[in-house]
C-alpha atoms as a PDB file:
ATOM      1  CA  MET A   1     -15.900   3.243  -2.635  1.00  0.00           C
ATOM      2  CA  PRO A   2     -18.202   1.289  -0.332  1.00  0.00           C
ATOM      3  CA  LYS A   3     -17.100   1.303   3.264  1.00  0.00           C
ATOM      4  CA  PRO A   4     -15.955  -2.092   4.568  1.00  0.00           C
ATOM      5  CA  LYS A   5     -17.566  -3.221   7.776  1.00  0.00           C
ATOM      6  CA  PRO A   6     -15.340  -2.325  10.730  1.00  0.00           C
ATOM      7  CA  THR A   7     -14.163  -4.968  13.103  1.00  0.00           C
ATOM      8  CA  THR A   8     -14.578  -4.628  16.839  1.00  0.00           C
ATOM      9  CA  SER A   9     -12.693  -1.566  18.021  1.00  0.00           C
ATOM     10  CA  SER A  10      -9.904  -1.746  20.546  1.00  0.00           C
ATOM     11  CA  SER A  11      -7.901   0.839  22.399  1.00  0.00           C
ATOM     12  CA  SER A  12      -4.721  -0.015  20.488  1.00  0.00           C
ATOM     13  CA  PRO A  13      -3.201   2.905  18.559  1.00  0.00           C
ATOM     14  CA  MET A  14      -3.020   2.910  14.799  1.00  0.00           C
ATOM     15  CA  PRO A  15       0.154   2.668  12.702  1.00  0.00           C
ATOM     16  CA  GLY A  16       2.306   5.748  12.933  1.00  0.00           C
ATOM     17  CA  SER A  17       1.901   6.024  16.706  1.00  0.00           C
ATOM     18  CA  ALA A  18       3.606   4.239  19.550  1.00  0.00           C
ATOM     19  CA  GLY A  19       2.200   1.046  21.035  1.00  0.00           C
ATOM     20  CA  ALA A  20       4.674  -1.806  20.774  1.00  0.00           C
ATOM     21  CA  GLY A  21       3.585  -5.174  22.028  1.00  0.00           C
ATOM     22  CA  ALA A  22      -0.114  -4.837  21.222  1.00  0.00           C
ATOM     23  CA  PRO A  23      -1.774  -8.045  20.000  1.00  0.00           C
ATOM     24  CA  ALA A  24      -2.170  -8.648  16.278  1.00  0.00           C
ATOM     25  CA  MET A  25      -5.512  -7.637  14.822  1.00  0.00           C
ATOM     26  CA  ALA A  26      -7.572 -10.342  13.121  1.00  0.00           C
ATOM     27  CA  PHE A  27      -8.181  -9.195   9.566  1.00  0.00           C
ATOM     28  CA  THR A  28     -11.488 -10.374   8.144  1.00  0.00           C
ATOM     29  CA  SER A  29     -12.206 -10.791   4.442  1.00  0.00           C
ATOM     30  CA  PRO A  30     -10.436  -7.999   2.540  1.00  0.00           C
ATOM     31  CA  PHE A  31     -12.679  -8.528  -0.441  1.00  0.00           C
ATOM     32  CA  ALA A  32     -15.449  -6.462   1.155  1.00  0.00           C
ATOM     33  CA  GLY A  33     -13.294  -3.360   0.714  1.00  0.00           C
ATOM     34  CA  LEU A  34     -12.833  -3.692  -3.034  1.00  0.00           C
ATOM     35  CA  THR A  35     -14.116  -0.830  -5.165  1.00  0.00           C
ATOM     36  CA  GLY A  36     -17.492  -1.568  -6.728  1.00  0.00           C
ATOM     37  CA  VAL A  37     -17.903  -1.571 -10.504  1.00  0.00           C
ATOM     38  CA  THR A  38     -20.512  -0.640 -13.106  1.00  0.00           C
ATOM     39  CA  ARG A  39     -21.264  -2.066 -16.522  1.00  0.00           C
ATOM     40  CA  GLN A  40     -19.127   0.493 -18.351  1.00  0.00           C
ATOM     41  CA  SER A  41     -15.635  -0.906 -19.041  1.00  0.00           C
ATOM     42  CA  LEU A  42     -16.360  -3.692 -16.580  1.00  0.00           C
ATOM     43  CA  ASN A  43     -13.201  -5.707 -17.225  1.00  0.00           C
ATOM     44  CA  GLN A  44     -10.954  -2.671 -16.775  1.00  0.00           C
ATOM     45  CA  GLN A  45     -12.767  -1.604 -13.621  1.00  0.00           C
ATOM     46  CA  VAL A  46     -12.297  -5.031 -12.062  1.00  0.00           C
ATOM     47  CA  TYR A  47      -8.617  -4.932 -12.963  1.00  0.00           C
ATOM     48  CA  GLU A  48      -8.174  -1.454 -11.500  1.00  0.00           C
ATOM     49  CA  SER A  49     -10.037  -2.419  -8.324  1.00  0.00           C
ATOM     50  CA  LEU A  50      -7.772  -5.419  -7.721  1.00  0.00           C
ATOM     51  CA  HIS A  51      -4.686  -3.410  -8.716  1.00  0.00           C
ATOM     52  CA  GLN A  52      -5.584  -0.711  -6.184  1.00  0.00           C
ATOM     53  CA  ALA A  53      -6.280  -3.292  -3.468  1.00  0.00           C
ATOM     54  CA  LEU A  54      -2.898  -4.952  -3.983  1.00  0.00           C
ATOM     55  CA  ALA A  55      -0.962  -1.676  -4.110  1.00  0.00           C
ATOM     56  CA  SER A  56      -2.664  -0.353  -0.964  1.00  0.00           C
ATOM     57  CA  GLY A  57      -1.950  -3.406   1.170  1.00  0.00           C
ATOM     58  CA  TYR A  58      -5.453  -4.895   1.361  1.00  0.00           C
ATOM     59  CA  PHE A  59      -4.014  -8.352   0.744  1.00  0.00           C
ATOM     60  CA  ALA A  60      -1.265 -10.099   2.676  1.00  0.00           C
ATOM     61  CA  PRO A  61       1.671 -11.964   1.090  1.00  0.00           C
ATOM     62  CA  GLY A  62       0.635 -15.553   0.448  1.00  0.00           C
ATOM     63  CA  GLN A  63      -3.091 -14.820   0.809  1.00  0.00           C
ATOM     64  CA  ARG A  64      -5.419 -16.756  -1.455  1.00  0.00           C
ATOM     65  CA  VAL A  65      -7.582 -14.750  -3.854  1.00  0.00           C
ATOM     66  CA  PRO A  66     -10.668 -16.866  -4.671  1.00  0.00           C
ATOM     67  CA  LEU A  67     -12.337 -15.691  -7.874  1.00  0.00           C
ATOM     68  CA  ARG A  68     -15.857 -16.274  -6.566  1.00  0.00           C
ATOM     69  CA  ALA A  69     -15.217 -14.243  -3.420  1.00  0.00           C
ATOM     70  CA  VAL A  70     -13.840 -11.338  -5.433  1.00  0.00           C
ATOM     71  CA  ALA A  71     -16.713 -11.514  -7.929  1.00  0.00           C
ATOM     72  CA  SER A  72     -19.253 -11.529  -5.096  1.00  0.00           C
ATOM     73  CA  ALA A  73     -17.625  -8.511  -3.440  1.00  0.00           C
ATOM     74  CA  LEU A  74     -17.602  -6.584  -6.717  1.00  0.00           C
ATOM     75  CA  GLY A  75     -21.078  -7.662  -7.807  1.00  0.00           C
ATOM     76  CA  THR A  76     -19.887  -9.254 -11.052  1.00  0.00           C
ATOM     77  CA  SER A  77     -19.580 -12.701 -12.586  1.00  0.00           C
ATOM     78  CA  THR A  78     -16.285 -14.556 -12.341  1.00  0.00           C
ATOM     79  CA  MET A  79     -15.451 -13.921 -16.029  1.00  0.00           C
ATOM     80  CA  PRO A  80     -14.126 -10.329 -15.684  1.00  0.00           C
ATOM     81  CA  VAL A  81     -12.421 -11.302 -12.420  1.00  0.00           C
ATOM     82  CA  ARG A  82     -10.638 -14.193 -14.155  1.00  0.00           C
ATOM     83  CA  GLU A  83      -9.464 -11.858 -16.927  1.00  0.00           C
ATOM     84  CA  ALA A  84      -8.190  -9.307 -14.396  1.00  0.00           C
ATOM     85  CA  VAL A  85      -6.433 -12.011 -12.397  1.00  0.00           C
ATOM     86  CA  ASN A  86      -4.742 -13.338 -15.537  1.00  0.00           C
ATOM     87  CA  ARG A  87      -3.420  -9.855 -16.291  1.00  0.00           C
ATOM     88  CA  LEU A  88      -2.127  -9.505 -12.736  1.00  0.00           C
ATOM     89  CA  VAL A  89      -0.484 -12.929 -12.906  1.00  0.00           C
ATOM     90  CA  ALA A  90       1.238 -11.869 -16.135  1.00  0.00           C
ATOM     91  CA  ILE A  91       2.911  -8.897 -14.419  1.00  0.00           C
ATOM     92  CA  GLY A  92       3.843 -10.867 -11.300  1.00  0.00           C
ATOM     93  CA  ALA A  93       1.350  -9.211  -8.958  1.00  0.00           C
ATOM     94  CA  LEU A  94      -0.487 -12.492  -8.379  1.00  0.00           C
ATOM     95  CA  GLU A  95       0.657 -16.094  -8.583  1.00  0.00           C
ATOM     96  CA  LEU A  96      -1.139 -19.052 -10.178  1.00  0.00           C
ATOM     97  CA  LEU A  97      -0.496 -22.273  -8.283  1.00  0.00           C
ATOM     98  CA  GLU A  98      -0.449 -25.799  -9.688  1.00  0.00           C
ATOM     99  CA  ASN A  99      -3.949 -26.472  -8.383  1.00  0.00           C
ATOM    100  CA  ARG A 100      -5.211 -23.405 -10.315  1.00  0.00           C
ATOM    101  CA  ARG A 101      -5.666 -21.452  -7.122  1.00  0.00           C
ATOM    102  CA  VAL A 102      -4.492 -17.850  -7.072  1.00  0.00           C
ATOM    103  CA  ARG A 103      -2.537 -16.182  -4.305  1.00  0.00           C
ATOM    104  CA  VAL A 104      -0.485 -13.106  -3.564  1.00  0.00           C
ATOM    105  CA  PRO A 105       3.179 -14.078  -4.139  1.00  0.00           C
ATOM    106  CA  LEU A 106       5.406 -15.054  -1.230  1.00  0.00           C
ATOM    107  CA  VAL A 107       8.997 -13.855  -1.468  1.00  0.00           C
ATOM    108  CA  GLY A 108      12.013 -14.111   0.813  1.00  0.00           C
ATOM    109  CA  SER A 109      13.835 -11.211   2.414  1.00  0.00           C
ATOM    110  CA  GLU A 110      16.527 -11.065  -0.305  1.00  0.00           C
ATOM    111  CA  HIS A 111      13.959 -10.685  -3.081  1.00  0.00           C
ATOM    112  CA  TYR A 112      12.028  -8.132  -1.042  1.00  0.00           C
ATOM    113  CA  ARG A 113      15.131  -6.037  -0.337  1.00  0.00           C
ATOM    114  CA  ASP A 114      15.891  -6.033  -4.062  1.00  0.00           C
ATOM    115  CA  LEU A 115      12.420  -4.582  -4.663  1.00  0.00           C
ATOM    116  CA  ILE A 116      12.987  -1.996  -1.936  1.00  0.00           C
ATOM    117  CA  ALA A 117      16.341  -0.979  -3.443  1.00  0.00           C
ATOM    118  CA  ALA A 118      14.595  -0.301  -6.760  1.00  0.00           C
ATOM    119  CA  ARG A 119      11.782   1.596  -5.040  1.00  0.00           C
ATOM    120  CA  SER A 120      14.196   3.751  -3.077  1.00  0.00           C
ATOM    121  CA  LEU A 121      16.312   4.573  -6.123  1.00  0.00           C
ATOM    122  CA  ILE A 122      13.362   5.592  -8.285  1.00  0.00           C
ATOM    123  CA  GLU A 123      11.013   7.123  -5.724  1.00  0.00           C
ATOM    124  CA  SER A 124      13.661   9.202  -3.961  1.00  0.00           C
ATOM    125  CA  SER A 125      14.753  10.532  -7.366  1.00  0.00           C
ATOM    126  CA  ALA A 126      11.119  11.321  -8.183  1.00  0.00           C
ATOM    127  CA  ALA A 127      10.768  13.224  -4.901  1.00  0.00           C
ATOM    128  CA  GLU A 128      13.953  15.158  -5.632  1.00  0.00           C
ATOM    129  CA  ALA A 129      12.595  16.145  -9.048  1.00  0.00           C
ATOM    130  CA  ALA A 130       9.159  16.982  -7.639  1.00  0.00           C
ATOM    131  CA  ALA A 131      10.273  19.267  -4.785  1.00  0.00           C
ATOM    132  CA  PRO A 132      10.866  22.462  -6.829  1.00  0.00           C
ATOM    133  CA  LEU A 133       7.727  21.770  -8.899  1.00  0.00           C
ATOM    134  CA  MET A 134       5.262  21.579  -6.005  1.00  0.00           C
ATOM    135  CA  THR A 135       2.577  24.254  -6.289  1.00  0.00           C
ATOM    136  CA  ASP A 136       0.813  25.787  -3.307  1.00  0.00           C
ATOM    137  CA  ALA A 137      -2.281  23.723  -4.139  1.00  0.00           C
ATOM    138  CA  MET A 138      -0.219  20.521  -4.220  1.00  0.00           C
ATOM    139  CA  LEU A 139       1.374  21.375  -0.879  1.00  0.00           C
ATOM    140  CA  GLU A 140      -2.034  22.056   0.651  1.00  0.00           C
ATOM    141  CA  ALA A 141      -3.280  18.660  -0.560  1.00  0.00           C
ATOM    142  CA  LEU A 142      -0.144  16.960   0.772  1.00  0.00           C
ATOM    143  CA  ALA A 143      -0.509  18.614   4.188  1.00  0.00           C
ATOM    144  CA  ARG A 144      -4.198  17.734   4.315  1.00  0.00           C
ATOM    145  CA  THR A 145      -3.483  14.079   3.507  1.00  0.00           C
ATOM    146  CA  HIS A 146      -0.760  13.944   6.157  1.00  0.00           C
ATOM    147  CA  GLY A 147      -3.152  15.450   8.680  1.00  0.00           C
ATOM    148  CA  GLU A 148      -5.768  12.830   7.850  1.00  0.00           C
ATOM    149  CA  MET A 149      -3.209  10.059   8.380  1.00  0.00           C
ATOM    150  CA  CYS A 150      -2.285  11.479  11.779  1.00  0.00           C
ATOM    151  CA  ALA A 151      -5.968  11.720  12.735  1.00  0.00           C
ATOM    152  CA  ILE A 152      -6.619   8.115  11.696  1.00  0.00           C
ATOM    153  CA  SER A 153      -3.602   6.996  13.744  1.00  0.00           C
ATOM    154  CA  ALA A 154      -5.343   8.239  16.883  1.00  0.00           C
ATOM    155  CA  LEU A 155      -8.434   6.106  16.202  1.00  0.00           C
ATOM    156  CA  PRO A 156      -8.998   2.540  17.442  1.00  0.00           C
ATOM    157  CA  HIS A 157      -7.059  -0.093  15.514  1.00  0.00           C
ATOM    158  CA  THR A 158      -9.789  -1.546  13.303  1.00  0.00           C
ATOM    159  CA  GLU A 159      -9.707  -3.000   9.809  1.00  0.00           C
ATOM    160  CA  GLU A 160     -11.654  -0.046   8.442  1.00  0.00           C
ATOM    161  CA  ASN A 161      -9.205   2.458   9.931  1.00  0.00           C
ATOM    162  CA  VAL A 162      -6.172   0.518   8.720  1.00  0.00           C
ATOM    163  CA  ARG A 163      -7.533   0.551   5.175  1.00  0.00           C
ATOM    164  CA  ALA A 164      -8.272   4.259   5.383  1.00  0.00           C
ATOM    165  CA  TYR A 165      -4.713   4.877   6.576  1.00  0.00           C
ATOM    166  CA  LEU A 166      -3.195   2.767   3.801  1.00  0.00           C
ATOM    167  CA  ALA A 167      -5.268   4.540   1.138  1.00  0.00           C
ATOM    168  CA  ARG A 168      -4.018   7.918   2.326  1.00  0.00           C
ATOM    169  CA  ASN A 169      -0.451   6.647   2.553  1.00  0.00           C
ATOM    170  CA  GLN A 170      -0.605   5.799  -1.134  1.00  0.00           C
ATOM    171  CA  ALA A 171      -2.267   9.116  -1.960  1.00  0.00           C
ATOM    172  CA  PHE A 172       0.421  11.028  -0.030  1.00  0.00           C
ATOM    173  CA  HIS A 173       3.269   9.481  -2.010  1.00  0.00           C
ATOM    174  CA  PHE A 174       1.619   9.736  -5.409  1.00  0.00           C
ATOM    175  CA  LEU A 175       0.723  13.400  -4.894  1.00  0.00           C
ATOM    176  CA  ILE A 176       4.491  13.909  -4.915  1.00  0.00           C
ATOM    177  CA  TYR A 177       5.350  11.589  -7.796  1.00  0.00           C
ATOM    178  CA  ARG A 178       2.644  12.981 -10.082  1.00  0.00           C
ATOM    179  CA  ALA A 179       4.022  16.485  -9.553  1.00  0.00           C
ATOM    180  CA  VAL A 180       6.933  15.547 -11.826  1.00  0.00           C
ATOM    181  CA  GLY A 181       4.457  15.429 -14.729  1.00  0.00           C
ATOM    182  CA  SER A 182       5.656  12.129 -16.189  1.00  0.00           C
ATOM    183  CA  HIS A 183       3.069   9.427 -16.888  1.00  0.00           C
ATOM    184  CA  THR A 184       5.876   6.973 -17.562  1.00  0.00           C
ATOM    185  CA  LEU A 185       7.484   7.625 -14.180  1.00  0.00           C
ATOM    186  CA  VAL A 186       4.175   7.174 -12.345  1.00  0.00           C
ATOM    187  CA  SER A 187       3.500   3.951 -14.250  1.00  0.00           C
ATOM    188  CA  VAL A 188       6.921   2.557 -13.296  1.00  0.00           C
ATOM    189  CA  ILE A 189       6.366   3.421  -9.637  1.00  0.00           C
ATOM    190  CA  GLN A 190       2.883   1.887  -9.704  1.00  0.00           C
ATOM    191  CA  SER A 191       4.366  -1.343 -11.074  1.00  0.00           C
ATOM    192  CA  MET A 192       6.578  -1.532  -7.977  1.00  0.00           C
ATOM    193  CA  TRP A 193       3.847  -0.611  -5.527  1.00  0.00           C
ATOM    194  CA  ILE A 194       1.630  -3.451  -6.707  1.00  0.00           C
ATOM    195  CA  ARG A 195       4.420  -5.831  -5.647  1.00  0.00           C
ATOM    196  CA  ALA A 196       5.319  -3.969  -2.460  1.00  0.00           C
ATOM    197  CA  GLY A 197       1.737  -3.215  -1.369  1.00  0.00           C
ATOM    198  CA  PRO A 198       1.008  -6.572   0.289  1.00  0.00           C
ATOM    199  CA  PHE A 199       3.970  -5.998   2.593  1.00  0.00           C
ATOM    200  CA  PHE A 200       2.289  -2.839   3.922  1.00  0.00           C
ATOM    201  CA  HIS A 201      -0.233  -5.333   5.271  1.00  0.00           C
ATOM    202  CA  ILE A 202       2.557  -6.758   7.441  1.00  0.00           C
ATOM    203  CA  LEU A 203       3.592  -3.293   8.590  1.00  0.00           C
ATOM    204  CA  HIS A 204       0.062  -2.335   9.619  1.00  0.00           C
ATOM    205  CA  LYS A 205      -1.502  -5.675  10.582  1.00  0.00           C
ATOM    206  CA  GLN A 206      -1.044  -4.834  14.248  1.00  0.00           C
ATOM    207  CA  SER A 207      -0.474  -1.811  16.397  1.00  0.00           C
ATOM    208  CA  SER A 208       3.280  -1.348  16.391  1.00  0.00           C
ATOM    209  CA  ASN A 209       6.051   1.073  17.211  1.00  0.00           C
ATOM    210  CA  TRP A 210       6.453   1.978  13.547  1.00  0.00           C
ATOM    211  CA  ARG A 211       6.383   5.764  13.430  1.00  0.00           C
ATOM    212  CA  GLY A 212       5.405   6.357   9.813  1.00  0.00           C
ATOM    213  CA  ASN A 213       3.767   9.704  10.481  1.00  0.00           C
ATOM    214  CA  GLU A 214       7.087  11.165  11.644  1.00  0.00           C
ATOM    215  CA  ASN A 215       8.710  10.117   8.358  1.00  0.00           C
ATOM    216  CA  HIS A 216       5.876  11.680   6.394  1.00  0.00           C
ATOM    217  CA  ALA A 217       6.181  14.871   8.431  1.00  0.00           C
ATOM    218  CA  ARG A 218       9.829  15.071   7.358  1.00  0.00           C
ATOM    219  CA  ILE A 219       8.859  14.530   3.713  1.00  0.00           C
ATOM    220  CA  LEU A 220       6.131  17.179   3.963  1.00  0.00           C
ATOM    221  CA  ALA A 221       8.538  19.714   5.499  1.00  0.00           C
ATOM    222  CA  ALA A 222      11.064  19.112   2.715  1.00  0.00           C
ATOM    223  CA  MET A 223       8.386  19.632   0.077  1.00  0.00           C
ATOM    224  CA  GLN A 224       7.131  22.795   1.762  1.00  0.00           C
ATOM    225  CA  ARG A 225      10.679  24.181   1.634  1.00  0.00           C
ATOM    226  CA  ARG A 226      10.971  22.880  -1.929  1.00  0.00           C
ATOM    227  CA  ASP A 227      14.283  21.317  -0.900  1.00  0.00           C
ATOM    228  CA  PRO A 228      15.273  18.622  -3.464  1.00  0.00           C
ATOM    229  CA  ALA A 229      18.141  17.083  -1.460  1.00  0.00           C
ATOM    230  CA  GLU A 230      16.140  16.769   1.754  1.00  0.00           C
ATOM    231  CA  ALA A 231      13.111  15.450  -0.147  1.00  0.00           C
ATOM    232  CA  ARG A 232      15.263  12.708  -1.650  1.00  0.00           C
ATOM    233  CA  ALA A 233      16.776  11.800   1.735  1.00  0.00           C
ATOM    234  CA  ALA A 234      13.401  11.818   3.509  1.00  0.00           C
ATOM    235  CA  VAL A 235      11.706   9.513   0.995  1.00  0.00           C
ATOM    236  CA  HIS A 236      14.695   7.168   1.055  1.00  0.00           C
ATOM    237  CA  ALA A 237      14.553   7.016   4.865  1.00  0.00           C
ATOM    238  CA  ASP A 238      10.809   6.330   4.809  1.00  0.00           C
ATOM    239  CA  ILE A 239      11.058   3.457   2.320  1.00  0.00           C
ATOM    240  CA  VAL A 240      14.144   1.801   3.819  1.00  0.00           C
ATOM    241  CA  GLY A 241      12.977   2.294   7.401  1.00  0.00           C
ATOM    242  CA  ALA A 242       9.638   0.616   6.699  1.00  0.00           C
ATOM    243  CA  ALA A 243      11.412  -2.234   4.896  1.00  0.00           C
ATOM    244  CA  ASP A 244      13.706  -2.865   7.871  1.00  0.00           C
ATOM    245  CA  HIS A 245      10.642  -3.052  10.105  1.00  0.00           C
ATOM    246  CA  ILE A 246       8.824  -5.414   7.739  1.00  0.00           C
ATOM    247  CA  VAL A 247      11.732  -7.819   7.200  1.00  0.00           C
ATOM    248  CA  GLY A 248      11.762  -8.511  10.918  1.00  0.00           C
ATOM    249  CA  ASP A 249       8.347 -10.153  10.595  1.00  0.00           C
ATOM    250  CA  ILE A 250       8.132 -13.878  11.310  1.00  0.00           C
ATOM    251  CA  MET A 251       6.798 -14.486   7.792  1.00  0.00           C
ATOM    252  CA  PHE A 252      10.201 -13.722   6.282  1.00  0.00           C
ATOM    253  CA  GLN A 253      11.948 -15.944   8.799  1.00  0.00           C
ATOM    254  CA  ALA A 254       9.729 -18.865   7.781  1.00  0.00           C
ATOM    255  CA  ILE A 255      10.309 -18.291   4.037  1.00  0.00           C
ATOM    256  CA  ASP A 256      14.055 -17.811   4.398  1.00  0.00           C
ATOM    257  CA  ASP A 257      14.334 -21.020   6.455  1.00  0.00           C
ATOM    258  CA  SER A 258      12.304 -23.105   3.998  1.00  0.00           C
END
């Protein structure tokens, strides 16, 4: 995956560490961070690149997704991008406006909390099922990913570092969910992440007092003990705690008041 150009570094801490009150970071074009594609299965690669970007929080709720900008970032024509966008519109991950422009959907707090309730129910159950199935190799990978997230949190708050953190956040969770061994379960969870992902952008758009690494440390400890009940509780707390933090954003206030 080509590295996006970092923005100017600051001394603000990354998500997962303390630092309330720091100014919001100006996010430049997220399209530069999209995964490049080759000629083989071009249409599917474009779709997967956009799917991954949405699920990881590269795009913000309400952000426009110009086809030409995406095509330029991926090094393709607009045709495979248009096909991928149409597929994402069909599953509700993107929204087609009356003027034919495409954007990431905007939803109010009630709709978002409904999504979070579904995520918590399914993902906490997946963690409960995964706990006794975690192998030593899986636990090593989980601990390594958590360590990488903690290391990134100590770096300057730049766009490149935020994206690296978000990518590892997704990897951390799906290392657990894939341990269950159910392709159907993973597919269902992915369908929720593609809708929830843009809200991670809100959580990590600025240095905040959100302490995500502490929640992940609790999840990791539960998995290392292979404790199903604690794994379920820890994942539930992580999802709901992040949602409570996100819903306090001014974006939701504006949508709910409209």
